């Protein structure tokens, strides 16, 4: 990350001001000051925490077709077609009698008991 101290960044969905950077060979420890109603200080390790530099609140215009194409690509990559994406990451035991109706619905069945 190449930025200056005092820059506004977004980490974990919140806005912060960059107060310090300790650089190492393959990572950097960032000290952040909170911009919320209650002042807070947090330290994160980049690249393990995603840090994005906030722009100057400038709207970048894109063509509608480009935006729709990128959104569609993101949706396609997020979930495999005809897959059981919710069950794949769930921490539960699946039994055959539970899985067969779900597969039937994915296969096009409209009535499942």
PDB file of N, CA and C in Angstrom:
ATOM      1  N   UNK A   1       0.850  -1.166   0.000  1.00  0.00           N
ATOM      2  CA  UNK A   1       0.000   0.000   0.000  1.00  0.00           C
ATOM      3  C   UNK A   1       0.899   1.234   0.000  1.00  0.00           C
ATOM      4  N   UNK A   2       0.718   2.058  -0.956  1.00  0.00           N
ATOM      5  CA  UNK A   2       1.512   3.286  -1.017  1.00  0.00           C
ATOM      6  C   UNK A   2       0.577   4.471  -0.842  1.00  0.00           C
ATOM      7  N   UNK A   3       0.545   4.993   0.367  1.00  0.00           N
ATOM      8  CA  UNK A   3      -0.302   6.137   0.656  1.00  0.00           C
ATOM      9  C   UNK A   3       0.371   6.976   1.746  1.00  0.00           C
ATOM     10  N   UNK A   4      -0.140   8.131   1.965  1.00  0.00           N
ATOM     11  CA  UNK A   4       0.457   9.028   2.942  1.00  0.00           C
ATOM     12  C   UNK A   4      -0.319   8.974   4.258  1.00  0.00           C
ATOM     13  N   UNK A   5       0.325   9.373   5.311  1.00  0.00           N
ATOM     14  CA  UNK A   5      -0.340   9.434   6.606  1.00  0.00           C
ATOM     15  C   UNK A   5      -1.443  10.484   6.547  1.00  0.00           C
ATOM     16  N   UNK A   6      -2.532  10.205   7.226  1.00  0.00           N
ATOM     17  CA  UNK A   6      -3.661  11.118   7.218  1.00  0.00           C
ATOM     18  C   UNK A   6      -4.685  10.808   6.139  1.00  0.00           C
ATOM     19  N   UNK A   7      -4.377   9.847   5.262  1.00  0.00           N
ATOM     20  CA  UNK A   7      -5.315   9.491   4.186  1.00  0.00           C
ATOM     21  C   UNK A   7      -6.534   8.795   4.766  1.00  0.00           C
ATOM     22  N   UNK A   8      -7.672   8.960   4.114  1.00  0.00           N
ATOM     23  CA  UNK A   8      -8.896   8.285   4.517  1.00  0.00           C
ATOM     24  C   UNK A   8      -8.945   6.919   3.842  1.00  0.00           C
ATOM     25  N   UNK A   9      -9.223   5.879   4.642  1.00  0.00           N
ATOM     26  CA  UNK A   9      -9.287   4.517   4.122  1.00  0.00           C
ATOM     27  C   UNK A   9     -10.539   3.831   4.642  1.00  0.00           C
ATOM     28  N   UNK A  10     -10.902   2.737   3.986  1.00  0.00           N
ATOM     29  CA  UNK A  10     -12.015   1.910   4.427  1.00  0.00           C
ATOM     30  C   UNK A  10     -11.472   0.533   4.779  1.00  0.00           C
ATOM     31  N   UNK A  11     -11.781   0.059   5.997  1.00  0.00           N
ATOM     32  CA  UNK A  11     -11.376  -1.258   6.465  1.00  0.00           C
ATOM     33  C   UNK A  11     -12.559  -1.879   7.187  1.00  0.00           C
ATOM     34  N   UNK A  12     -12.899  -3.115   6.833  1.00  0.00           N
ATOM     35  CA  UNK A  12     -14.005  -3.846   7.463  1.00  0.00           C
ATOM     36  C   UNK A  12     -15.307  -3.059   7.420  1.00  0.00           C
ATOM     37  N   UNK A  13     -15.513  -2.336   6.336  1.00  0.00           N
ATOM     38  CA  UNK A  13     -16.755  -1.607   6.131  1.00  0.00           C
ATOM     39  C   UNK A  13     -16.866  -0.295   6.885  1.00  0.00           C
ATOM     40  N   UNK A  14     -15.799   0.154   7.530  1.00  0.00           N
ATOM     41  CA  UNK A  14     -15.836   1.408   8.276  1.00  0.00           C
ATOM     42  C   UNK A  14     -14.757   2.362   7.776  1.00  0.00           C
ATOM     43  N   UNK A  15     -14.981   3.659   7.996  1.00  0.00           N
ATOM     44  CA  UNK A  15     -14.018   4.693   7.564  1.00  0.00           C
ATOM     45  C   UNK A  15     -13.022   4.977   8.672  1.00  0.00           C
ATOM     46  N   UNK A  16     -11.747   5.127   8.270  1.00  0.00           N
ATOM     47  CA  UNK A  16     -10.671   5.383   9.208  1.00  0.00           C
ATOM     48  C   UNK A  16      -9.709   6.401   8.615  1.00  0.00           C
ATOM     49  N   UNK A  17      -8.901   7.013   9.470  1.00  0.00           N
ATOM     50  CA  UNK A  17      -7.811   7.895   9.038  1.00  0.00           C
ATOM     51  C   UNK A  17      -6.502   7.178   9.373  1.00  0.00           C
ATOM     52  N   UNK A  18      -5.599   7.091   8.392  1.00  0.00           N
ATOM     53  CA  UNK A  18      -4.336   6.388   8.544  1.00  0.00           C
ATOM     54  C   UNK A  18      -3.396   7.204   9.438  1.00  0.00           C
ATOM     55  N   UNK A  19      -3.046   6.639  10.610  1.00  0.00           N
ATOM     56  CA  UNK A  19      -2.211   7.353  11.579  1.00  0.00           C
ATOM     57  C   UNK A  19      -0.768   6.873  11.577  1.00  0.00           C
ATOM     58  N   UNK A  20      -0.518   5.664  11.125  1.00  0.00           N
ATOM     59  CA  UNK A  20       0.848   5.156  11.128  1.00  0.00           C
ATOM     60  C   UNK A  20       0.995   3.925  10.266  1.00  0.00           C
ATOM     61  N   UNK A  21       2.186   3.730   9.708  1.00  0.00           N
ATOM     62  CA  UNK A  21       2.485   2.560   8.882  1.00  0.00           C
ATOM     63  C   UNK A  21       3.833   2.000   9.322  1.00  0.00           C
ATOM     64  N   UNK A  22       3.859   0.726   9.692  1.00  0.00           N
ATOM     65  CA  UNK A  22       5.101   0.006   9.969  1.00  0.00           C
ATOM     66  C   UNK A  22       5.254  -1.033   8.869  1.00  0.00           C
ATOM     67  N   UNK A  23       6.219  -0.835   7.978  1.00  0.00           N
ATOM     68  CA  UNK A  23       6.399  -1.716   6.825  1.00  0.00           C
ATOM     69  C   UNK A  23       7.382  -2.836   7.144  1.00  0.00           C
ATOM     70  N   UNK A  24       7.042  -4.029   6.669  1.00  0.00           N
ATOM     71  CA  UNK A  24       7.894  -5.196   6.790  1.00  0.00           C
ATOM     72  C   UNK A  24       8.058  -5.798   5.400  1.00  0.00           C
ATOM     73  N   UNK A  25       8.762  -6.920   5.310  1.00  0.00           N
ATOM     74  CA  UNK A  25       9.074  -7.485   4.000  1.00  0.00           C
ATOM     75  C   UNK A  25       7.830  -7.843   3.193  1.00  0.00           C
ATOM     76  N   UNK A  26       6.873  -8.524   3.798  1.00  0.00           N
ATOM     77  CA  UNK A  26       5.697  -8.977   3.050  1.00  0.00           C
ATOM     78  C   UNK A  26       4.382  -8.455   3.592  1.00  0.00           C
ATOM     79  N   UNK A  27       4.428  -7.572   4.551  1.00  0.00           N
ATOM     80  CA  UNK A  27       3.187  -7.031   5.108  1.00  0.00           C
ATOM     81  C   UNK A  27       3.459  -5.648   5.676  1.00  0.00           C
ATOM     82  N   UNK A  28       2.397  -5.021   6.125  1.00  0.00           N
ATOM     83  CA  UNK A  28       2.506  -3.717   6.776  1.00  0.00           C
ATOM     84  C   UNK A  28       1.477  -3.669   7.901  1.00  0.00           C
ATOM     85  N   UNK A  29       1.871  -3.117   9.029  1.00  0.00           N
ATOM     86  CA  UNK A  29       0.954  -2.918  10.147  1.00  0.00           C
ATOM     87  C   UNK A  29       0.484  -1.467  10.085  1.00  0.00           C
ATOM     88  N   UNK A  30      -0.820  -1.298   9.946  1.00  0.00           N
ATOM     89  CA  UNK A  30      -1.400   0.035   9.810  1.00  0.00           C
ATOM     90  C   UNK A  30      -2.100   0.421  11.112  1.00  0.00           C
ATOM     91  N   UNK A  31      -1.827   1.599  11.589  1.00  0.00           N
ATOM     92  CA  UNK A  31      -2.518   2.146  12.750  1.00  0.00           C
ATOM     93  C   UNK A  31      -3.572   3.111  12.228  1.00  0.00           C
ATOM     94  N   UNK A  32      -4.820   2.881  12.639  1.00  0.00           N
ATOM     95  CA  UNK A  32      -5.950   3.642  12.105  1.00  0.00           C
ATOM     96  C   UNK A  32      -6.689   4.354  13.235  1.00  0.00           C
ATOM     97  N   UNK A  33      -7.120   5.577  12.972  1.00  0.00           N
ATOM     98  CA  UNK A  33      -7.961   6.330  13.894  1.00  0.00           C
ATOM     99  C   UNK A  33      -9.376   6.351  13.342  1.00  0.00           C
ATOM    100  N   UNK A  34     -10.358   6.038  14.194  1.00  0.00           N
ATOM    101  CA  UNK A  34     -11.746   5.981  13.774  1.00  0.00           C
ATOM    102  C   UNK A  34     -12.332   7.341  13.482  1.00  0.00           C
ATOM    103  N   UNK A  35     -13.282   7.373  12.559  1.00  0.00           N
ATOM    104  CA  UNK A  35     -13.963   8.616  12.196  1.00  0.00           C
ATOM    105  C   UNK A  35     -15.402   8.639  12.687  1.00  0.00           C
ATOM    106  N   UNK A  36     -15.788   7.645  13.468  1.00  0.00           N
ATOM    107  CA  UNK A  36     -17.159   7.570  13.956  1.00  0.00           C
ATOM    108  C   UNK A  36     -17.410   8.502  15.121  1.00  0.00           C
ATOM    109  N   UNK A  37     -18.598   8.416  15.713  1.00  0.00           N
ATOM    110  CA  UNK A  37     -18.958   9.294  16.823  1.00  0.00           C
ATOM    111  C   UNK A  37     -18.113   9.045  18.072  1.00  0.00           C
ATOM    112  N   UNK A  38     -17.658   7.797  18.282  1.00  0.00           N
ATOM    113  CA  UNK A  38     -16.780   7.509  19.415  1.00  0.00           C
ATOM    114  C   UNK A  38     -15.383   7.235  18.876  1.00  0.00           C
ATOM    115  N   UNK A  39     -14.389   8.030  19.281  1.00  0.00           N
ATOM    116  CA  UNK A  39     -13.042   7.833  18.743  1.00  0.00           C
ATOM    117  C   UNK A  39     -12.496   6.463  19.109  1.00  0.00           C
ATOM    118  N   UNK A  40     -11.865   5.822  18.149  1.00  0.00           N
ATOM    119  CA  UNK A  40     -11.287   4.495  18.367  1.00  0.00           C
ATOM    120  C   UNK A  40      -9.983   4.404  17.603  1.00  0.00           C
ATOM    121  N   UNK A  41      -9.132   3.521  18.054  1.00  0.00           N
ATOM    122  CA  UNK A  41      -7.864   3.280  17.367  1.00  0.00           C
ATOM    123  C   UNK A  41      -7.779   1.780  17.123  1.00  0.00           C
ATOM    124  N   UNK A  42      -7.317   1.421  15.926  1.00  0.00           N
ATOM    125  CA  UNK A  42      -7.244   0.017  15.560  1.00  0.00           C
ATOM    126  C   UNK A  42      -5.960  -0.213  14.774  1.00  0.00           C
ATOM    127  N   UNK A  43      -5.391  -1.388  14.938  1.00  0.00           N
ATOM    128  CA  UNK A  43      -4.223  -1.781  14.155  1.00  0.00           C
ATOM    129  C   UNK A  43      -4.598  -2.994  13.331  1.00  0.00           C
ATOM    130  N   UNK A  44      -4.267  -2.970  12.048  1.00  0.00           N
ATOM    131  CA  UNK A  44      -4.557  -4.079  11.143  1.00  0.00           C
ATOM    132  C   UNK A  44      -3.286  -4.445  10.388  1.00  0.00           C
ATOM    133  N   UNK A  45      -3.275  -5.662   9.868  1.00  0.00           N
ATOM    134  CA  UNK A  45      -2.139  -6.131   9.083  1.00  0.00           C
ATOM    135  C   UNK A  45      -2.591  -6.274   7.638  1.00  0.00           C
ATOM    136  N   UNK A  46      -1.894  -5.556   6.772  1.00  0.00           N
ATOM    137  CA  UNK A  46      -2.177  -5.670   5.351  1.00  0.00           C
ATOM    138  C   UNK A  46      -1.194  -6.678   4.785  1.00  0.00           C
ATOM    139  N   UNK A  47      -1.544  -7.667   4.033  1.00  0.00           N
ATOM    140  CA  UNK A  47      -2.699  -7.845   3.179  1.00  0.00           C
ATOM    141  C   UNK A  47      -3.825  -8.666   3.788  1.00  0.00           C
ATOM    142  N   UNK A  48      -3.737  -9.042   5.093  1.00  0.00           N
ATOM    143  CA  UNK A  48      -4.771  -9.886   5.683  1.00  0.00           C
ATOM    144  C   UNK A  48      -6.085  -9.142   5.849  1.00  0.00           C
ATOM    145  N   UNK A  49      -6.026  -7.868   6.150  1.00  0.00           N
ATOM    146  CA  UNK A  49      -7.216  -7.015   6.144  1.00  0.00           C
ATOM    147  C   UNK A  49      -7.180  -6.202   4.864  1.00  0.00           C
ATOM    148  N   UNK A  50      -8.301  -6.143   4.187  1.00  0.00           N
ATOM    149  CA  UNK A  50      -8.374  -5.380   2.938  1.00  0.00           C
ATOM    150  C   UNK A  50      -8.553  -3.906   3.242  1.00  0.00           C
ATOM    151  N   UNK A  51      -7.615  -3.139   2.780  1.00  0.00           N
ATOM    152  CA  UNK A  51      -7.627  -1.693   3.004  1.00  0.00           C
ATOM    153  C   UNK A  51      -7.802  -1.023   1.656  1.00  0.00           C
ATOM    154  N   UNK A  52      -8.827  -0.197   1.534  1.00  0.00           N
ATOM    155  CA  UNK A  52      -9.026   0.533   0.282  1.00  0.00           C
ATOM    156  C   UNK A  52      -9.000   2.034   0.578  1.00  0.00           C
ATOM    157  N   UNK A  53      -8.269   2.734  -0.268  1.00  0.00           N
ATOM    158  CA  UNK A  53      -8.140   4.174  -0.113  1.00  0.00           C
ATOM    159  C   UNK A  53      -9.405   4.831  -0.622  1.00  0.00           C
ATOM    160  N   UNK A  54      -9.962   5.721   0.173  1.00  0.00           N
ATOM    161  CA  UNK A  54     -11.185   6.404  -0.223  1.00  0.00           C
ATOM    162  C   UNK A  54     -10.842   7.504  -1.214  1.00  0.00           C
ATOM    163  N   UNK A  55     -11.679   7.622  -2.230  1.00  0.00           N
ATOM    164  CA  UNK A  55     -11.487   8.665  -3.230  1.00  0.00           C
ATOM    165  C   UNK A  55     -11.905  10.019  -2.701  1.00  0.00           C
ATOM    166  N   UNK A  56     -11.942  10.933  -3.561  1.00  0.00           N
ATOM    167  CA  UNK A  56     -12.324  12.298  -3.188  1.00  0.00           C
ATOM    168  C   UNK A  56     -13.828  12.510  -3.353  1.00  0.00           C
ATOM    169  N   UNK A  57     -14.615  11.479  -3.096  1.00  0.00           N
ATOM    170  CA  UNK A  57     -16.066  11.525  -3.250  1.00  0.00           C
ATOM    171  C   UNK A  57     -16.459  11.947  -4.664  1.00  0.00           C
ATOM    172  N   UNK A  58     -15.710  11.474  -5.619  1.00  0.00           N
ATOM    173  CA  UNK A  58     -15.959  11.788  -7.016  1.00  0.00           C
ATOM    174  C   UNK A  58     -16.689  10.607  -7.651  1.00  0.00           C
ATOM    175  N   UNK A  59     -17.763  10.871  -8.337  1.00  0.00           N
ATOM    176  CA  UNK A  59     -18.533   9.834  -9.005  1.00  0.00           C
ATOM    177  C   UNK A  59     -17.877   9.526 -10.343  1.00  0.00           C
ATOM    178  N   UNK A  60     -17.595   8.240 -10.559  1.00  0.00           N
ATOM    179  CA  UNK A  60     -17.017   7.820 -11.823  1.00  0.00           C
ATOM    180  C   UNK A  60     -18.147   7.267 -12.674  1.00  0.00           C
ATOM    181  N   UNK A  61     -18.350   7.866 -13.817  1.00  0.00           N
ATOM    182  CA  UNK A  61     -19.434   7.429 -14.699  1.00  0.00           C
ATOM    183  C   UNK A  61     -18.978   6.262 -15.554  1.00  0.00           C
ATOM    184  N   UNK A  62     -19.859   5.263 -15.660  1.00  0.00           N
ATOM    185  CA  UNK A  62     -19.609   4.102 -16.493  1.00  0.00           C
ATOM    186  C   UNK A  62     -20.829   3.895 -17.385  1.00  0.00           C
ATOM    187  N   UNK A  63     -20.590   3.299 -18.518  1.00  0.00           N
ATOM    188  CA  UNK A  63     -21.716   2.997 -19.396  1.00  0.00           C
ATOM    189  C   UNK A  63     -22.588   1.929 -18.766  1.00  0.00           C
ATOM    190  N   UNK A  64     -23.872   2.044 -18.996  1.00  0.00           N
ATOM    191  CA  UNK A  64     -24.833   1.121 -18.407  1.00  0.00           C
ATOM    192  C   UNK A  64     -24.507  -0.322 -18.760  1.00  0.00           C
ATOM    193  N   UNK A  65     -24.159  -0.555 -19.992  1.00  0.00           N
ATOM    194  CA  UNK A  65     -23.857  -1.909 -20.449  1.00  0.00           C
ATOM    195  C   UNK A  65     -22.649  -2.488 -19.701  1.00  0.00           C
ATOM    196  N   UNK A  66     -21.639  -1.659 -19.438  1.00  0.00           N
ATOM    197  CA  UNK A  66     -20.444  -2.112 -18.718  1.00  0.00           C
ATOM    198  C   UNK A  66     -20.794  -2.464 -17.274  1.00  0.00           C
ATOM    199  N   UNK A  67     -21.606  -1.634 -16.633  1.00  0.00           N
ATOM    200  CA  UNK A  67     -21.996  -1.886 -15.247  1.00  0.00           C
ATOM    201  C   UNK A  67     -22.812  -3.167 -15.148  1.00  0.00           C
ATOM    202  N   UNK A  68     -23.769  -3.354 -16.043  1.00  0.00           N
ATOM    203  CA  UNK A  68     -24.591  -4.560 -16.014  1.00  0.00           C
ATOM    204  C   UNK A  68     -23.754  -5.807 -16.284  1.00  0.00           C
ATOM    205  N   UNK A  69     -22.813  -5.719 -17.196  1.00  0.00           N
ATOM    206  CA  UNK A  69     -21.951  -6.861 -17.508  1.00  0.00           C
ATOM    207  C   UNK A  69     -21.099  -7.240 -16.289  1.00  0.00           C
ATOM    208  N   UNK A  70     -20.543  -6.252 -15.611  1.00  0.00           N
ATOM    209  CA  UNK A  70     -19.724  -6.535 -14.423  1.00  0.00           C
ATOM    210  C   UNK A  70     -20.562  -7.118 -13.297  1.00  0.00           C
ATOM    211  N   UNK A  71     -21.776  -6.619 -13.130  1.00  0.00           N
ATOM    212  CA  UNK A  71     -22.658  -7.160 -12.094  1.00  0.00           C
ATOM    213  C   UNK A  71     -23.026  -8.599 -12.408  1.00  0.00           C
ATOM    214  N   UNK A  72     -23.334  -8.891 -13.656  1.00  0.00           N
ATOM    215  CA  UNK A  72     -23.673 -10.259 -14.052  1.00  0.00           C
ATOM    216  C   UNK A  72     -22.483 -11.189 -13.857  1.00  0.00           C
ATOM    217  N   UNK A  73     -21.300 -10.745 -14.244  1.00  0.00           N
ATOM    218  CA  UNK A  73     -20.098 -11.566 -14.057  1.00  0.00           C
ATOM    219  C   UNK A  73     -19.856 -11.861 -12.582  1.00  0.00           C
ATOM    220  N   UNK A  74     -20.078 -10.873 -11.728  1.00  0.00           N
ATOM    221  CA  UNK A  74     -19.884 -11.072 -10.290  1.00  0.00           C
ATOM    222  C   UNK A  74     -20.882 -12.087  -9.740  1.00  0.00           C
ATOM    223  N   UNK A  75     -22.133 -12.025 -10.202  1.00  0.00           N
ATOM    224  CA  UNK A  75     -23.137 -12.984  -9.746  1.00  0.00           C
ATOM    225  C   UNK A  75     -22.820 -14.392 -10.216  1.00  0.00           C
ATOM    226  N   UNK A  76     -22.363 -14.514 -11.437  1.00  0.00           N
ATOM    227  CA  UNK A  76     -22.041 -15.829 -11.982  1.00  0.00           C
ATOM    228  C   UNK A  76     -20.872 -16.447 -11.219  1.00  0.00           C
ATOM    229  N   UNK A  77     -19.866 -15.654 -10.901  1.00  0.00           N
ATOM    230  CA  UNK A  77     -18.703 -16.178 -10.196  1.00  0.00           C
ATOM    231  C   UNK A  77     -18.987 -16.462  -8.724  1.00  0.00           C
ATOM    232  N   UNK A  78     -19.970 -15.783  -8.154  1.00  0.00           N
ATOM    233  CA  UNK A  78     -20.250 -15.942  -6.733  1.00  0.00           C
ATOM    234  C   UNK A  78     -20.892 -17.291  -6.421  1.00  0.00           C
ATOM    235  N   UNK A  79     -21.734 -17.791  -7.315  1.00  0.00           N
ATOM    236  CA  UNK A  79     -22.449 -19.046  -7.054  1.00  0.00           C
ATOM    237  C   UNK A  79     -22.428 -19.919  -8.297  1.00  0.00           C
ATOM    238  N   UNK A  80     -22.083 -21.181  -8.133  1.00  0.00           N
ATOM    239  CA  UNK A  80     -22.087 -22.068  -9.296  1.00  0.00           C
ATOM    240  C   UNK A  80     -23.510 -22.370  -9.758  1.00  0.00           C
ATOM    241  N   UNK A  81     -23.680 -22.483 -11.048  1.00  0.00           N
ATOM    242  CA  UNK A  81     -25.001 -22.796 -11.603  1.00  0.00           C
ATOM    243  C   UNK A  81     -25.437 -24.183 -11.150  1.00  0.00           C
ATOM    244  N   UNK A  82     -26.687 -24.311 -10.788  1.00  0.00           N
ATOM    245  CA  UNK A  82     -27.284 -25.570 -10.340  1.00  0.00           C
ATOM    246  C   UNK A  82     -26.517 -26.204  -9.185  1.00  0.00           C
ATOM    247  N   UNK A  83     -25.938 -25.396  -8.339  1.00  0.00           N
ATOM    248  CA  UNK A  83     -25.198 -25.921  -7.200  1.00  0.00           C
ATOM    249  C   UNK A  83     -25.939 -25.653  -5.906  1.00  0.00           C
ATOM    250  N   UNK A  84     -25.590 -26.395  -4.891  1.00  0.00           N
ATOM    251  CA  UNK A  84     -26.166 -26.179  -3.564  1.00  0.00           C
ATOM    252  C   UNK A  84     -25.187 -25.340  -2.757  1.00  0.00           C
ATOM    253  N   UNK A  85     -25.154 -24.018  -3.032  1.00  0.00           N
ATOM    254  CA  UNK A  85     -24.156 -23.149  -2.420  1.00  0.00           C
ATOM    255  C   UNK A  85     -24.407 -22.938  -0.951  1.00  0.00           C
ATOM    256  N   UNK A  86     -25.641 -22.919  -0.508  1.00  0.00           N
ATOM    257  CA  UNK A  86     -25.864 -22.693   0.918  1.00  0.00           C
ATOM    258  C   UNK A  86     -25.479 -23.910   1.736  1.00  0.00           C
ATOM    259  N   UNK A  87     -25.727 -25.083   1.239  1.00  0.00           N
ATOM    260  CA  UNK A  87     -25.389 -26.294   1.971  1.00  0.00           C
ATOM    261  C   UNK A  87     -23.889 -26.563   1.961  1.00  0.00           C
ATOM    262  N   UNK A  88     -23.190 -26.047   0.974  1.00  0.00           N
ATOM    263  CA  UNK A  88     -21.756 -26.317   0.862  1.00  0.00           C
ATOM    264  C   UNK A  88     -20.982 -25.720   2.016  1.00  0.00           C
ATOM    265  N   UNK A  89     -21.393 -24.578   2.537  1.00  0.00           N
ATOM    266  CA  UNK A  89     -20.660 -23.915   3.615  1.00  0.00           C
ATOM    267  C   UNK A  89     -21.343 -24.050   4.977  1.00  0.00           C
ATOM    268  N   UNK A  90     -22.438 -24.754   5.032  1.00  0.00           N
ATOM    269  CA  UNK A  90     -23.182 -24.876   6.285  1.00  0.00           C
ATOM    270  C   UNK A  90     -22.493 -25.885   7.197  1.00  0.00           C
ATOM    271  N   UNK A  91     -22.614 -25.675   8.480  1.00  0.00           N
ATOM    272  CA  UNK A  91     -22.052 -26.624   9.441  1.00  0.00           C
ATOM    273  C   UNK A  91     -23.192 -27.484   9.982  1.00  0.00           C
ATOM    274  N   UNK A  92     -23.618 -28.431   9.157  1.00  0.00           N
ATOM    275  CA  UNK A  92     -24.715 -29.317   9.535  1.00  0.00           C
ATOM    276  C   UNK A  92     -24.505 -30.657   8.858  1.00  0.00           C
ATOM    277  N   UNK A  93     -25.203 -31.653   9.349  1.00  0.00           N
ATOM    278  CA  UNK A  93     -25.152 -32.990   8.755  1.00  0.00           C
ATOM    279  C   UNK A  93     -26.319 -33.133   7.794  1.00  0.00           C
ATOM    280  N   UNK A  94     -26.017 -33.471   6.544  1.00  0.00           N
ATOM    281  CA  UNK A  94     -27.059 -33.687   5.540  1.00  0.00           C
ATOM    282  C   UNK A  94     -27.313 -35.183   5.384  1.00  0.00           C
ATOM    283  N   UNK A  95     -28.580 -35.537   5.287  1.00  0.00           N
ATOM    284  CA  UNK A  95     -28.974 -36.929   5.065  1.00  0.00           C
ATOM    285  C   UNK A  95     -29.562 -37.049   3.667  1.00  0.00           C
ATOM    286  N   UNK A  96     -29.531 -38.250   3.129  1.00  0.00           N
ATOM    287  CA  UNK A  96     -30.005 -38.468   1.760  1.00  0.00           C
ATOM    288  C   UNK A  96     -31.457 -38.023   1.595  1.00  0.00           C
ATOM    289  N   UNK A  97     -32.299 -38.288   2.584  1.00  0.00           N
ATOM    290  CA  UNK A  97     -33.702 -37.912   2.449  1.00  0.00           C
ATOM    291  C   UNK A  97     -33.905 -36.395   2.440  1.00  0.00           C
ATOM    292  N   UNK A  98     -32.919 -35.633   2.919  1.00  0.00           N
ATOM    293  CA  UNK A  98     -33.006 -34.175   2.869  1.00  0.00           C
ATOM    294  C   UNK A  98     -32.465 -33.638   1.546  1.00  0.00           C
ATOM    295  N   UNK A  99     -31.464 -34.297   1.021  1.00  0.00           N
ATOM    296  CA  UNK A  99     -30.781 -33.800  -0.158  1.00  0.00           C
ATOM    297  C   UNK A  99     -31.523 -34.117  -1.451  1.00  0.00           C
ATOM    298  N   UNK A 100     -32.189 -35.260  -1.512  1.00  0.00           N
ATOM    299  CA  UNK A 100     -32.861 -35.655  -2.749  1.00  0.00           C
ATOM    300  C   UNK A 100     -33.944 -34.674  -3.196  1.00  0.00           C
ATOM    301  N   UNK A 101     -34.821 -34.150  -2.331  1.00  0.00           N
ATOM    302  CA  UNK A 101     -35.800 -33.162  -2.788  1.00  0.00           C
ATOM    303  C   UNK A 101     -35.142 -31.870  -3.289  1.00  0.00           C
ATOM    304  N   UNK A 102     -34.076 -31.461  -2.649  1.00  0.00           N
ATOM    305  CA  UNK A 102     -33.382 -30.254  -3.103  1.00  0.00           C
ATOM    306  C   UNK A 102     -32.804 -30.450  -4.499  1.00  0.00           C
ATOM    307  N   UNK A 103     -32.225 -31.609  -4.743  1.00  0.00           N
ATOM    308  CA  UNK A 103     -31.692 -31.895  -6.079  1.00  0.00           C
ATOM    309  C   UNK A 103     -32.811 -31.995  -7.115  1.00  0.00           C
ATOM    310  N   UNK A 104     -33.958 -32.495  -6.702  1.00  0.00           N
ATOM    311  CA  UNK A 104     -35.093 -32.581  -7.632  1.00  0.00           C
ATOM    312  C   UNK A 104     -35.568 -31.185  -8.029  1.00  0.00           C
ATOM    313  N   UNK A 105     -35.608 -30.263  -7.086  1.00  0.00           N
ATOM    314  CA  UNK A 105     -36.008 -28.881  -7.394  1.00  0.00           C
ATOM    315  C   UNK A 105     -35.004 -28.253  -8.348  1.00  0.00           C
ATOM    316  N   UNK A 106     -33.719 -28.477  -8.112  1.00  0.00           N
ATOM    317  CA  UNK A 106     -32.694 -27.946  -9.008  1.00  0.00           C
ATOM    318  C   UNK A 106     -32.797 -28.545 -10.393  1.00  0.00           C
ATOM    319  N   UNK A 107     -33.292 -29.771 -10.454  1.00  0.00           N
ATOM    320  CA  UNK A 107     -33.470 -30.430 -11.745  1.00  0.00           C
ATOM    321  C   UNK A 107     -34.742 -30.011 -12.474  1.00  0.00           C
ATOM    322  N   UNK A 108     -35.581 -29.202 -11.833  1.00  0.00           N
ATOM    323  CA  UNK A 108     -36.769 -28.705 -12.505  1.00  0.00           C
ATOM    324  C   UNK A 108     -38.086 -29.170 -11.944  1.00  0.00           C
ATOM    325  N   UNK A 109     -38.071 -29.980 -10.902  1.00  0.00           N
ATOM    326  CA  UNK A 109     -39.321 -30.471 -10.312  1.00  0.00           C
ATOM    327  C   UNK A 109     -40.100 -29.307  -9.714  1.00  0.00           C
ATOM    328  N   UNK A 110     -41.390 -29.299  -9.892  1.00  0.00           N
ATOM    329  CA  UNK A 110     -42.228 -28.234  -9.353  1.00  0.00           C
ATOM    330  C   UNK A 110     -43.028 -28.675  -8.133  1.00  0.00           C
ATOM    331  N   UNK A 111     -43.157 -29.986  -7.940  1.00  0.00           N
ATOM    332  CA  UNK A 111     -43.889 -30.481  -6.780  1.00  0.00           C
ATOM    333  C   UNK A 111     -42.972 -31.393  -5.970  1.00  0.00           C
ATOM    334  N   UNK A 112     -42.797 -31.031  -4.724  1.00  0.00           N
ATOM    335  CA  UNK A 112     -41.951 -31.813  -3.839  1.00  0.00           C
ATOM    336  C   UNK A 112     -42.671 -31.969  -2.516  1.00  0.00           C
ATOM    337  N   UNK A 113     -42.746 -33.183  -2.027  1.00  0.00           N
ATOM    338  CA  UNK A 113     -43.423 -33.436  -0.754  1.00  0.00           C
ATOM    339  C   UNK A 113     -42.388 -33.535   0.344  1.00  0.00           C
TER     340      UNK A 113
END
